[in-house]
Protein backbone atom coordinates (compact mmCIF):
# COMPACT_ATOMS: atom_id res chain seq x y z
CA MET A 1 25.50 -0.03 -14.42
CA ARG A 2 24.53 -2.02 -11.27
CA THR A 3 20.88 -1.14 -10.42
CA THR A 4 18.99 -2.20 -7.35
CA ALA A 5 15.21 -1.77 -7.29
CA TRP A 6 14.03 -1.47 -3.74
CA ILE A 7 10.41 -2.75 -3.31
CA ILE A 8 8.38 -2.06 -0.11
CA GLY A 9 5.32 -3.87 1.18
CA ASP A 10 2.68 -1.93 -0.67
CA GLN A 11 4.46 -2.54 -4.34
CA LEU A 12 4.20 -6.34 -4.64
CA LYS A 13 3.42 -6.48 -8.31
CA PRO A 14 6.14 -7.42 -11.08
CA ASP A 15 5.02 -4.63 -13.23
CA ILE A 16 5.63 -1.79 -11.06
CA SER A 17 7.60 1.16 -12.44
CA SER A 18 10.71 0.70 -10.47
CA LEU A 19 11.15 -2.68 -12.35
CA SER A 20 9.56 -1.62 -15.66
CA ASP A 21 12.49 -1.38 -17.92
CA LEU A 22 15.01 -3.42 -15.93
CA LYS A 23 15.81 -6.93 -16.79
CA PRO A 24 16.53 -9.75 -14.32
CA ASP A 25 20.08 -10.07 -15.17
CA ASN A 26 21.05 -6.39 -14.83
CA CYS A 27 19.28 -5.74 -11.59
CA VAL A 28 19.17 -6.77 -7.94
CA VAL A 29 15.74 -6.50 -6.21
CA PHE A 30 16.02 -5.05 -2.62
CA MET A 31 13.39 -5.80 0.05
CA VAL A 32 13.15 -5.26 3.95
CA GLU A 33 11.15 -6.21 6.78
CA SER A 34 12.14 -3.21 9.04
CA LEU A 35 11.12 -3.81 12.62
CA GLU A 36 11.80 0.03 13.37
CA HIS A 37 9.37 1.25 10.51
CA ALA A 38 6.64 -1.44 11.57
CA GLN A 39 6.79 0.08 15.28
CA ARG A 40 6.38 3.72 14.08
CA LEU A 41 2.44 3.12 13.90
CA PRO A 42 0.19 0.81 16.00
CA PHE A 43 -0.04 -1.90 13.39
CA HIS A 44 -1.99 -5.02 13.86
CA LYS A 45 0.35 -7.70 14.18
CA GLN A 46 -1.78 -10.05 12.21
CA LYS A 47 -1.92 -7.06 9.44
CA LEU A 48 2.23 -7.33 9.77
CA VAL A 49 2.14 -11.09 9.22
CA LEU A 50 -0.04 -10.79 6.28
CA ILE A 51 2.18 -8.09 4.88
CA TRP A 52 5.45 -9.58 5.52
CA SER A 53 4.04 -12.97 4.21
CA ALA A 54 2.68 -11.34 0.94
CA MET A 55 6.46 -10.00 0.51
CA ARG A 56 8.15 -13.36 1.11
CA HIS A 57 6.20 -14.97 -1.48
CA PHE A 58 6.81 -11.98 -3.97
CA ALA A 59 10.25 -12.23 -3.51
CA GLU A 60 9.97 -16.19 -4.30
CA GLU A 61 7.78 -15.16 -7.34
CA LEU A 62 10.67 -12.63 -8.65
CA ARG A 63 13.30 -15.32 -8.00
CA GLY A 64 11.22 -17.71 -10.41
CA LEU A 65 11.16 -14.92 -13.04
CA GLY A 66 15.23 -14.67 -12.68
CA TYR A 67 15.73 -11.79 -10.69
CA THR A 68 18.23 -11.83 -7.86
CA VAL A 69 16.49 -10.69 -4.71
CA ASP A 70 18.22 -9.49 -1.57
CA TYR A 71 15.51 -10.07 1.22
CA TYR A 72 16.14 -9.19 4.81
CA LYS A 73 13.99 -10.94 7.39
CA SER A 74 13.12 -8.90 10.35
CA ALA A 75 15.91 -6.35 10.01
CA PRO A 76 16.20 -3.75 12.98
CA ASP A 77 15.78 -0.97 10.57
CA PHE A 78 16.28 0.37 7.11
CA SER A 79 19.97 1.70 7.41
CA GLU A 80 21.38 -1.63 8.66
CA ALA A 81 19.96 -3.72 5.84
CA LEU A 82 20.82 -0.98 3.21
CA ARG A 83 24.53 -0.80 4.62
CA LYS A 84 24.71 -4.88 4.07
CA HIS A 85 23.28 -4.49 0.74
CA ILE A 86 25.51 -1.81 -0.67
CA GLU A 87 28.65 -3.97 0.85
CA LEU A 88 27.59 -7.07 -1.06
CA TYR A 89 26.00 -5.75 -4.26
CA LYS A 90 27.98 -2.33 -4.64
CA PRO A 91 24.99 -0.76 -6.68
CA ASP A 92 25.68 2.46 -8.89
CA ARG A 93 22.02 3.49 -8.51
CA MET A 94 18.90 2.54 -6.59
CA ARG A 95 15.17 2.92 -8.05
CA ILE A 96 12.19 3.10 -5.52
CA MET A 97 8.68 3.59 -6.89
CA GLU A 98 6.72 6.60 -5.26
CA THR A 99 5.16 5.24 -1.77
CA ALA A 100 1.58 5.36 -0.91
CA GLU A 101 2.87 6.75 2.60
CA TYR A 102 3.10 10.46 2.24
CA GLY A 103 6.89 11.45 2.27
CA LEU A 104 8.39 7.95 2.58
CA SER A 105 9.90 7.74 -0.75
CA ASN A 106 11.67 11.16 -0.31
CA HIS A 107 12.84 10.10 3.11
CA LEU A 108 14.25 6.69 1.48
CA ALA A 109 15.89 8.43 -1.46
CA GLU A 110 17.59 10.82 1.04
CA PHE A 111 18.76 7.79 2.93
CA ILE A 112 19.95 6.20 0.12
CA GLU A 113 22.09 9.36 -1.21
CA LYS A 114 23.67 9.57 2.30
CA ASN A 115 25.20 6.14 1.44
CA GLY A 116 26.41 7.71 -1.84
CA ILE A 117 24.50 6.07 -4.35
CA ASN A 118 22.17 7.81 -6.94
CA ALA A 119 18.54 7.41 -6.03
CA GLU A 120 15.85 7.47 -8.74
CA ILE A 121 12.05 7.69 -7.84
CA THR A 122 9.95 6.37 -10.52
CA THR A 123 6.10 7.34 -10.56
CA ASN A 124 3.61 5.27 -8.69
CA LYS A 125 1.10 3.45 -11.10
CA VAL A 126 -0.66 1.73 -8.54
CA ALA A 127 -2.27 5.08 -7.10
CA ILE A 128 -4.81 5.11 -10.04
CA ASN A 129 -6.32 1.83 -8.49
CA PHE A 130 -6.71 4.00 -5.56
CA VAL A 131 -8.25 6.82 -7.31
CA TRP A 132 -10.61 4.24 -9.12
CA VAL A 133 -11.73 2.98 -5.79
CA LEU A 134 -12.78 6.61 -4.75
CA ILE A 135 -14.51 7.37 -7.90
CA THR A 136 -16.48 3.95 -7.56
CA GLY A 137 -17.30 4.93 -4.19
CA PHE A 138 -18.96 8.21 -5.27
CA LEU A 139 -20.93 6.62 -7.89
CA VAL A 140 -22.39 4.23 -5.08
CA MET A 141 -23.26 7.21 -3.28
CA PHE A 142 -24.97 8.56 -6.08
CA MET A 143 -26.74 5.17 -6.87
CA GLN A 144 -27.94 5.16 -3.25
CA ALA A 145 -29.68 8.44 -3.91
CA GLY A 146 -31.20 7.21 -7.34
CA PHE A 147 -32.47 4.00 -5.35
CA THR A 148 -34.16 6.38 -2.83
CA LEU A 149 -36.04 8.25 -5.42
CA VAL A 150 -37.11 5.05 -7.27
CA GLU A 151 -38.28 3.40 -4.01
CA VAL A 152 -40.12 6.51 -2.92
CA GLY A 153 -41.61 6.88 -6.44
CA MET A 154 -43.10 3.40 -6.18
CA THR A 155 -44.50 3.56 -2.89
CA ARG A 156 -47.65 5.19 -1.57
CA ALA A 157 -47.36 8.69 -0.52
CA LYS A 158 -47.72 8.01 3.33
CA ASN A 159 -44.64 5.59 3.22
CA ALA A 160 -42.43 8.04 1.17
CA ALA A 161 -40.77 9.46 4.29
CA GLN A 162 -40.09 6.13 5.89
CA THR A 163 -38.68 4.79 2.66
CA ALA A 164 -36.22 7.92 1.93
CA ALA A 165 -35.35 7.73 5.91
CA MET A 166 -34.54 3.99 5.49
CA ASN A 167 -32.16 4.80 2.21
CA LEU A 168 -30.32 7.49 4.39
CA LEU A 169 -30.06 5.23 7.31
CA VAL A 170 -27.50 3.10 5.10
CA TYR A 171 -24.72 5.74 5.40
CA PRO A 172 -24.49 5.99 9.09
CA LEU A 173 -24.59 2.33 9.66
CA GLY A 174 -21.96 1.72 7.13
CA MET A 175 -19.83 4.45 8.74
CA LEU A 176 -20.32 2.91 12.26
CA ALA A 177 -19.23 -0.59 10.90
CA PHE A 178 -16.23 0.68 9.26
CA TYR A 179 -15.51 2.70 12.40
CA ILE A 180 -15.76 -0.54 14.67
CA CYS A 181 -14.17 -3.20 12.33
CA GLY A 182 -13.15 -1.71 8.95
CA PHE A 183 -10.62 0.56 10.00
CA ALA A 184 -8.84 -1.74 12.09
CA LEU A 185 -8.79 -4.18 9.08
CA MET A 186 -7.75 -1.61 6.65
CA PHE A 187 -5.11 0.53 9.08
CA GLY A 188 -4.21 -1.91 11.59
CA GLY A 189 -5.16 -1.56 15.26
CA ARG A 190 -6.99 1.36 16.57
CA GLY A 191 -6.41 5.05 16.61
CA ASP A 192 -6.41 7.30 19.29
CA ILE A 193 -10.02 7.99 18.66
CA ALA A 194 -11.34 4.54 18.69
CA ILE A 195 -13.50 3.39 21.42
């Protein structure tokens, strides 16, 4: 059975589930830099360069591991690249790991099946990393409340309100800093609500 593993820009690890039980000699890795997909949202150009550069480096890493990589640089859209891949490799099935972007994996699976190929969506094991980041973020918030109690307990009573206010001020300053530059670094460009 000829299998293709479709890897997108946020799945650049050799131990992802779409490659988990595939050997380099029985599969082809399919990767696309889709200009149409990149223009759906106002991505920052430097972020796109970073993602595409990481994709190209990962493709070379996979080639070094013995995988056949079918890589399409600056393709107009997914459909043209997929059509060329099907003509060239004639896969029986395509595997794709669940994407972090809501609904994209189902959209890609439907797109694959329209071309007469069985699509298999594998579980996203990378999402557990995002959950861990959220949990640690919540722990930091509780830690800040603990610091407030410790600092208030170690100061004189007349300075307790000022010390507590100082510790509570950390949150709005952090949110403001994230709003000004963190969001753009994380998600690219600026949203409709940005200044």
